[in-house]
Every structure is written in C-alpha cells, then in structure tokens.
C-alpha cells in the first residue's frame, strides 16, 4: 500500500490517507526510543540487530532565549518541513497521538506518508536557564519506512541554540528496500534543507 498523488496533495487527500492507514509499522518495544541521545541509539544493539539505521544531525541555529522560542515555534508549526518538495499541514497541532500526513515529491508523483506523534518532550530548568523542546513521530502502515524520528530545539547552558534531527529507520516496502541508498541520501539532504528552513525562521524579523 503506497499513497500517491500526481499533484500537490490536498487536505482531503491527506485526510483520506490517515483514515485508511493502520497502526504503527514498527515494533512496540521501540516506541518512544528516539527520545534517547544519539550516542545511546547508536549503541543500541537491538536496533542494530533488527536492521535499523541511525540518522543524526545537530546544527547551531543561533543563541539566546528569543532564538530558542522562535525555534520552538518553528517545530510547533511544522516549519522544519516547509520545503518545496516536502510539507506537513502547518495547522495540525503537535500533540501526543496526533496523526499527520507527510507529503514528499519524488520524481513525478507526490508520496503521502502517514505518521503519528509518539511523544512531546519539553524541559526547562528555570526561566533563564537551559531549555529543550522536541517531539517524536512514528511511522504508520502505508509509510515506505519503519521507524521513528525526533525533532528538537535546545537552549544550552552557554546560551547557544541547537536544532537536532535524530531517527532510526529501515525499509518497510519493496520500493524503499530496492532504493535504500537513494533513501539514505534523501534523509541527509532533508536534514540539510530542514536546518536551513529553521535557520530562516529564527532569523526572520
């Protein structure tokens, strides 16, 4: 089951995909695992044994509380997916259990990939100190990959603001299995483009 559209997917098309999709397409024991640090995921022998590959990117996007709040807003409104070739409906709230449709243009057709927010994680030690906001989304049946991805923005103890993408995934369809080298390239390309989108948002006046 692959959800395709020859034109930019409409809200109705996305809704139909989410109505047709089933539950998560990866093992329940890994649900929420992307909340861990990149090093811990890379050292997870179970993930490695089950064929998951780790994709990790961490980019400095600025400094200060204002930049952090802008970065948080960017994630809450799906600005990190605000690309010419990929998008999520920005009106959908980022909340635990919410299903969303990621639309990606691949060659001629658009591919609609169903996801569900697995968790929302926010921590702040004080009003002026370090803070972190992030959320993880898991793949649902009908997605070409199986796994989970976390997006987060962090204000560290030195006042620097970081945008981070961390995921573990493996092919869930013969198309992604056959073209997995290309899929891995696109994941790296997305990380670069997504970081640029967040940078653009936090630097906007």
C-alpha atoms as a PDB file:
ATOM      1  CA  UNK A   1       0.000   0.000   0.000  1.00  0.00           C
ATOM      2  CA  UNK A   2       1.561   3.244  -1.225  1.00  0.00           C
ATOM      3  CA  UNK A   3      -0.293   6.560  -1.230  1.00  0.00           C
ATOM      4  CA  UNK A   4       0.471   8.601  -4.355  1.00  0.00           C
ATOM      5  CA  UNK A   5      -0.783  11.820  -5.916  1.00  0.00           C
ATOM      6  CA  UNK A   6       0.142  13.310  -9.298  1.00  0.00           C
ATOM      7  CA  UNK A   7      -0.472  16.810  -7.985  1.00  0.00           C
ATOM      8  CA  UNK A   8       0.254  18.536  -4.684  1.00  0.00           C
ATOM      9  CA  UNK A   9      -1.866  16.566  -2.168  1.00  0.00           C
ATOM     10  CA  UNK A  10      -4.977  18.394  -0.996  1.00  0.00           C
ATOM     11  CA  UNK A  11      -6.175  18.432   2.631  1.00  0.00           C
ATOM     12  CA  UNK A  12      -8.931  15.965   1.649  1.00  0.00           C
ATOM     13  CA  UNK A  13      -6.404  13.568   0.118  1.00  0.00           C
ATOM     14  CA  UNK A  14      -4.267  13.732   3.245  1.00  0.00           C
ATOM     15  CA  UNK A  15      -7.307  13.079   5.435  1.00  0.00           C
ATOM     16  CA  UNK A  16      -8.230  10.061   3.327  1.00  0.00           C
ATOM     17  CA  UNK A  17      -4.722   8.640   3.785  1.00  0.00           C
ATOM     18  CA  UNK A  18      -4.945   8.995   7.553  1.00  0.00           C
ATOM     19  CA  UNK A  19      -8.371   7.337   7.543  1.00  0.00           C
ATOM     20  CA  UNK A  20      -7.049   4.374   5.541  1.00  0.00           C
ATOM     21  CA  UNK A  21      -3.800   3.801   7.386  1.00  0.00           C
ATOM     22  CA  UNK A  22      -3.477   1.289  10.181  1.00  0.00           C
ATOM     23  CA  UNK A  23      -1.337   1.333  13.313  1.00  0.00           C
ATOM     24  CA  UNK A  24       2.406   1.673  13.708  1.00  0.00           C
ATOM     25  CA  UNK A  25       4.503  -0.462  11.365  1.00  0.00           C
ATOM     26  CA  UNK A  26       7.430  -0.996  13.748  1.00  0.00           C
ATOM     27  CA  UNK A  27       7.815  -2.993  16.958  1.00  0.00           C
ATOM     28  CA  UNK A  28       6.126  -1.585  20.053  1.00  0.00           C
ATOM     29  CA  UNK A  29       9.281  -2.129  22.118  1.00  0.00           C
ATOM     30  CA  UNK A  30      10.920   0.709  20.163  1.00  0.00           C
ATOM     31  CA  UNK A  31       8.032   3.137  20.649  1.00  0.00           C
ATOM     32  CA  UNK A  32       9.483   6.359  22.051  1.00  0.00           C
ATOM     33  CA  UNK A  33      13.103   5.210  21.702  1.00  0.00           C
ATOM     34  CA  UNK A  34      14.021   8.335  19.728  1.00  0.00           C
ATOM     35  CA  UNK A  35      13.822  10.366  22.932  1.00  0.00           C
ATOM     36  CA  UNK A  36      17.267   8.954  23.772  1.00  0.00           C
ATOM     37  CA  UNK A  37      20.506  10.680  22.823  1.00  0.00           C
ATOM     38  CA  UNK A  38      22.166   9.961  19.502  1.00  0.00           C
ATOM     39  CA  UNK A  39      25.027   8.092  21.187  1.00  0.00           C
ATOM     40  CA  UNK A  40      22.643   5.816  23.079  1.00  0.00           C
ATOM     41  CA  UNK A  41      20.705   4.984  19.918  1.00  0.00           C
ATOM     42  CA  UNK A  42      23.903   4.219  18.039  1.00  0.00           C
ATOM     43  CA  UNK A  43      24.967   1.874  20.858  1.00  0.00           C
ATOM     44  CA  UNK A  44      21.596   0.087  20.951  1.00  0.00           C
ATOM     45  CA  UNK A  45      22.425  -3.428  19.792  1.00  0.00           C
ATOM     46  CA  UNK A  46      18.762  -4.406  19.486  1.00  0.00           C
ATOM     47  CA  UNK A  47      18.102  -1.653  16.958  1.00  0.00           C
ATOM     48  CA  UNK A  48      21.184  -2.679  15.011  1.00  0.00           C
ATOM     49  CA  UNK A  49      20.213  -6.362  15.142  1.00  0.00           C
ATOM     50  CA  UNK A  50      16.750  -5.553  13.797  1.00  0.00           C
ATOM     51  CA  UNK A  51      18.223  -3.684  10.840  1.00  0.00           C
ATOM     52  CA  UNK A  52      17.553  -0.081  11.851  1.00  0.00           C
ATOM     53  CA  UNK A  53      19.973   2.607  10.723  1.00  0.00           C
ATOM     54  CA  UNK A  54      20.548   5.809  12.682  1.00  0.00           C
ATOM     55  CA  UNK A  55      20.409   9.232  11.055  1.00  0.00           C
ATOM     56  CA  UNK A  56      21.602  12.145  13.194  1.00  0.00           C
ATOM     57  CA  UNK A  57      22.140  15.851  12.536  1.00  0.00           C
ATOM     58  CA  UNK A  58      22.732  18.682  15.018  1.00  0.00           C
ATOM     59  CA  UNK A  59      23.072  22.264  13.802  1.00  0.00           C
ATOM     60  CA  UNK A  60      23.765  25.533  15.610  1.00  0.00           C
ATOM     61  CA  UNK A  61      20.992  27.985  14.655  1.00  0.00           C
ATOM     62  CA  UNK A  62      21.789  30.929  16.933  1.00  0.00           C
ATOM     63  CA  UNK A  63      21.815  31.977  20.543  1.00  0.00           C
ATOM     64  CA  UNK A  64      19.584  33.424  23.224  1.00  0.00           C
ATOM     65  CA  UNK A  65      16.108  32.866  24.593  1.00  0.00           C
ATOM     66  CA  UNK A  66      14.363  34.656  21.719  1.00  0.00           C
ATOM     67  CA  UNK A  67      16.019  32.407  19.141  1.00  0.00           C
ATOM     68  CA  UNK A  68      15.061  29.344  21.188  1.00  0.00           C
ATOM     69  CA  UNK A  69      11.407  30.436  21.338  1.00  0.00           C
ATOM     70  CA  UNK A  70      11.399  31.034  17.577  1.00  0.00           C
ATOM     71  CA  UNK A  71      12.891  27.594  17.045  1.00  0.00           C
ATOM     72  CA  UNK A  72      10.230  26.052  19.259  1.00  0.00           C
ATOM     73  CA  UNK A  73       7.515  27.840  17.286  1.00  0.00           C
ATOM     74  CA  UNK A  74       9.082  26.574  14.051  1.00  0.00           C
ATOM     75  CA  UNK A  75       8.691  22.979  15.212  1.00  0.00           C
ATOM     76  CA  UNK A  76       5.182  23.511  16.562  1.00  0.00           C
ATOM     77  CA  UNK A  77       4.055  24.855  13.183  1.00  0.00           C
ATOM     78  CA  UNK A  78       5.975  22.282  11.094  1.00  0.00           C
ATOM     79  CA  UNK A  79       8.238  24.959   9.579  1.00  0.00           C
ATOM     80  CA  UNK A  80      11.051  22.406   9.522  1.00  0.00           C
ATOM     81  CA  UNK A  81       9.043  20.700   6.760  1.00  0.00           C
ATOM     82  CA  UNK A  82       8.402  23.945   4.899  1.00  0.00           C
ATOM     83  CA  UNK A  83      10.219  22.881   1.734  1.00  0.00           C
ATOM     84  CA  UNK A  84       9.414  22.987  -1.983  1.00  0.00           C
ATOM     85  CA  UNK A  85       9.380  19.193  -2.089  1.00  0.00           C
ATOM     86  CA  UNK A  86       8.090  18.257   1.373  1.00  0.00           C
ATOM     87  CA  UNK A  87       5.424  19.614   3.713  1.00  0.00           C
ATOM     88  CA  UNK A  88       3.071  18.880   6.592  1.00  0.00           C
ATOM     89  CA  UNK A  89      -0.155  20.834   7.082  1.00  0.00           C
ATOM     90  CA  UNK A  90       1.040  23.642   9.419  1.00  0.00           C
ATOM     91  CA  UNK A  91      -2.375  23.900  11.089  1.00  0.00           C
ATOM     92  CA  UNK A  92      -2.077  20.428  12.633  1.00  0.00           C
ATOM     93  CA  UNK A  93      -1.107  20.735  16.316  1.00  0.00           C
ATOM     94  CA  UNK A  94       1.955  18.934  17.605  1.00  0.00           C
ATOM     95  CA  UNK A  95       0.456  16.778  20.332  1.00  0.00           C
ATOM     96  CA  UNK A  96       0.805  13.223  21.558  1.00  0.00           C
ATOM     97  CA  UNK A  97      -1.264  10.777  19.497  1.00  0.00           C
ATOM     98  CA  UNK A  98      -1.936  13.174  16.621  1.00  0.00           C
ATOM     99  CA  UNK A  99      -1.762  11.618  13.135  1.00  0.00           C
ATOM    100  CA  UNK A 100      -0.197  13.657  10.351  1.00  0.00           C
ATOM    101  CA  UNK A 101       0.489  13.157   6.671  1.00  0.00           C
ATOM    102  CA  UNK A 102       3.970  13.976   5.397  1.00  0.00           C
ATOM    103  CA  UNK A 103       3.840  14.822   1.694  1.00  0.00           C
ATOM    104  CA  UNK A 104       7.036  14.344  -0.297  1.00  0.00           C
ATOM    105  CA  UNK A 105       7.612  14.922  -4.004  1.00  0.00           C
ATOM    106  CA  UNK A 106       9.604  12.083  -5.539  1.00  0.00           C
ATOM    107  CA  UNK A 107      10.344  12.442  -9.253  1.00  0.00           C
ATOM    108  CA  UNK A 108       6.876  12.863 -10.841  1.00  0.00           C
ATOM    109  CA  UNK A 109       4.341  11.818  -8.162  1.00  0.00           C
ATOM    110  CA  UNK A 110       3.909  13.035  -4.621  1.00  0.00           C
ATOM    111  CA  UNK A 111       4.114  10.370  -1.924  1.00  0.00           C
ATOM    112  CA  UNK A 112       1.892  10.708   1.151  1.00  0.00           C
ATOM    113  CA  UNK A 113       3.465   9.164   4.243  1.00  0.00           C
ATOM    114  CA  UNK A 114       1.353   8.651   7.400  1.00  0.00           C
ATOM    115  CA  UNK A 115       2.896   9.397  10.789  1.00  0.00           C
ATOM    116  CA  UNK A 116       1.751   9.695  14.380  1.00  0.00           C
ATOM    117  CA  UNK A 117       3.234  11.849  17.126  1.00  0.00           C
ATOM    118  CA  UNK A 118       4.526   9.414  19.752  1.00  0.00           C
ATOM    119  CA  UNK A 119       5.543  11.938  22.396  1.00  0.00           C
ATOM    120  CA  UNK A 120       6.115  15.634  23.053  1.00  0.00           C
ATOM    121  CA  UNK A 121       9.031  16.384  25.350  1.00  0.00           C
ATOM    122  CA  UNK A 122       9.695  19.775  26.928  1.00  0.00           C
ATOM    123  CA  UNK A 123      12.035  20.615  29.769  1.00  0.00           C
ATOM    124  CA  UNK A 124      13.160  23.878  31.339  1.00  0.00           C
ATOM    125  CA  UNK A 125      15.288  24.130  34.464  1.00  0.00           C
ATOM    126  CA  UNK A 126      14.470  27.817  35.008  1.00  0.00           C
ATOM    127  CA  UNK A 127      13.020  30.787  33.163  1.00  0.00           C
ATOM    128  CA  UNK A 128      16.505  31.961  32.198  1.00  0.00           C
ATOM    129  CA  UNK A 129      18.421  28.682  32.104  1.00  0.00           C
ATOM    130  CA  UNK A 130      18.716  25.804  29.612  1.00  0.00           C
ATOM    131  CA  UNK A 131      15.576  24.585  27.888  1.00  0.00           C
ATOM    132  CA  UNK A 132      14.585  21.968  25.363  1.00  0.00           C
ATOM    133  CA  UNK A 133      11.528  21.239  23.226  1.00  0.00           C
ATOM    134  CA  UNK A 134      11.081  18.277  20.917  1.00  0.00           C
ATOM    135  CA  UNK A 135       8.744  15.609  19.680  1.00  0.00           C
ATOM    136  CA  UNK A 136       9.000  12.191  18.083  1.00  0.00           C
ATOM    137  CA  UNK A 137       6.831  10.787  15.306  1.00  0.00           C
ATOM    138  CA  UNK A 138       6.476   7.129  14.389  1.00  0.00           C
ATOM    139  CA  UNK A 139       5.705   5.604  11.007  1.00  0.00           C
ATOM    140  CA  UNK A 140       2.293   4.066  10.368  1.00  0.00           C
ATOM    141  CA  UNK A 141       1.207   1.323   7.982  1.00  0.00           C
ATOM    142  CA  UNK A 142       1.460   2.716   4.466  1.00  0.00           C
ATOM    143  CA  UNK A 143       4.744   4.515   5.143  1.00  0.00           C
ATOM    144  CA  UNK A 144       7.668   3.404   2.984  1.00  0.00           C
ATOM    145  CA  UNK A 145       9.947   3.265   6.022  1.00  0.00           C
ATOM    146  CA  UNK A 146       9.548   1.811   9.507  1.00  0.00           C
ATOM    147  CA  UNK A 147      10.888   3.712  12.491  1.00  0.00           C
ATOM    148  CA  UNK A 148      10.813   6.927  14.424  1.00  0.00           C
ATOM    149  CA  UNK A 149      12.184  10.446  14.131  1.00  0.00           C
ATOM    150  CA  UNK A 150      12.725  13.186  16.706  1.00  0.00           C
ATOM    151  CA  UNK A 151      12.957  16.910  16.030  1.00  0.00           C
ATOM    152  CA  UNK A 152      14.136  19.147  18.838  1.00  0.00           C
ATOM    153  CA  UNK A 153      15.457  22.596  19.624  1.00  0.00           C
ATOM    154  CA  UNK A 154      17.674  23.195  22.640  1.00  0.00           C
ATOM    155  CA  UNK A 155      18.996  26.225  24.511  1.00  0.00           C
ATOM    156  CA  UNK A 156      22.172  25.003  26.224  1.00  0.00           C
ATOM    157  CA  UNK A 157      23.940  26.280  29.347  1.00  0.00           C
ATOM    158  CA  UNK A 158      26.093  28.586  27.192  1.00  0.00           C
ATOM    159  CA  UNK A 159      23.090  30.250  25.602  1.00  0.00           C
ATOM    160  CA  UNK A 160      23.559  28.536  22.233  1.00  0.00           C
ATOM    161  CA  UNK A 161      20.530  27.214  20.350  1.00  0.00           C
ATOM    162  CA  UNK A 162      20.731  23.897  18.538  1.00  0.00           C
ATOM    163  CA  UNK A 163      18.357  22.195  16.116  1.00  0.00           C
ATOM    164  CA  UNK A 164      18.572  18.415  16.131  1.00  0.00           C
ATOM    165  CA  UNK A 165      17.160  15.592  13.997  1.00  0.00           C
ATOM    166  CA  UNK A 166      17.525  12.015  15.203  1.00  0.00           C
ATOM    167  CA  UNK A 167      15.925   8.954  13.646  1.00  0.00           C
ATOM    168  CA  UNK A 168      16.117   5.210  13.332  1.00  0.00           C
ATOM    169  CA  UNK A 169      14.571   3.576  10.288  1.00  0.00           C
ATOM    170  CA  UNK A 170      14.603   0.685   7.853  1.00  0.00           C
ATOM    171  CA  UNK A 171      12.735  -0.153   4.636  1.00  0.00           C
ATOM    172  CA  UNK A 172       9.080  -1.145   5.063  1.00  0.00           C
ATOM    173  CA  UNK A 173       8.209  -1.596   1.386  1.00  0.00           C
ATOM    174  CA  UNK A 174       9.995  -3.262  -1.513  1.00  0.00           C
ATOM    175  CA  UNK A 175      10.355   0.119  -3.255  1.00  0.00           C
ATOM    176  CA  UNK A 176      12.290   1.601  -0.325  1.00  0.00           C
ATOM    177  CA  UNK A 177      14.256  -1.639   0.018  1.00  0.00           C
ATOM    178  CA  UNK A 178      15.341  -1.549  -3.628  1.00  0.00           C
ATOM    179  CA  UNK A 179      16.137   2.145  -3.483  1.00  0.00           C
ATOM    180  CA  UNK A 180      17.544   2.352   0.037  1.00  0.00           C
ATOM    181  CA  UNK A 181      20.841   4.041  -0.959  1.00  0.00           C
ATOM    182  CA  UNK A 182      18.714   6.801  -2.508  1.00  0.00           C
ATOM    183  CA  UNK A 183      16.507   6.918   0.599  1.00  0.00           C
ATOM    184  CA  UNK A 184      19.554   7.418   2.826  1.00  0.00           C
ATOM    185  CA  UNK A 185      20.773  10.195   0.530  1.00  0.00           C
ATOM    186  CA  UNK A 186      17.387  11.901   0.735  1.00  0.00           C
ATOM    187  CA  UNK A 187      17.455  11.665   4.546  1.00  0.00           C
ATOM    188  CA  UNK A 188      20.787  13.507   4.610  1.00  0.00           C
ATOM    189  CA  UNK A 189      19.515  16.021   2.081  1.00  0.00           C
ATOM    190  CA  UNK A 190      16.361  16.603   4.125  1.00  0.00           C
ATOM    191  CA  UNK A 191      18.426  17.218   7.283  1.00  0.00           C
ATOM    192  CA  UNK A 192      20.358  19.946   5.467  1.00  0.00           C
ATOM    193  CA  UNK A 193      17.255  21.539   3.932  1.00  0.00           C
ATOM    194  CA  UNK A 194      15.279  21.307   7.167  1.00  0.00           C
ATOM    195  CA  UNK A 195      18.073  23.006   9.104  1.00  0.00           C
ATOM    196  CA  UNK A 196      18.081  25.821   6.556  1.00  0.00           C
ATOM    197  CA  UNK A 197      14.296  26.188   6.964  1.00  0.00           C
ATOM    198  CA  UNK A 198      14.623  26.511  10.761  1.00  0.00           C
ATOM    199  CA  UNK A 199      17.514  28.969  10.368  1.00  0.00           C
ATOM    200  CA  UNK A 200      15.407  31.075   8.019  1.00  0.00           C
ATOM    201  CA  UNK A 201      12.549  31.124  10.521  1.00  0.00           C
ATOM    202  CA  UNK A 202      14.617  32.047  13.593  1.00  0.00           C
ATOM    203  CA  UNK A 203      16.470  34.788  11.683  1.00  0.00           C
ATOM    204  CA  UNK A 204      13.286  36.384  10.355  1.00  0.00           C
ATOM    205  CA  UNK A 205      12.491  39.730  11.937  1.00  0.00           C
END
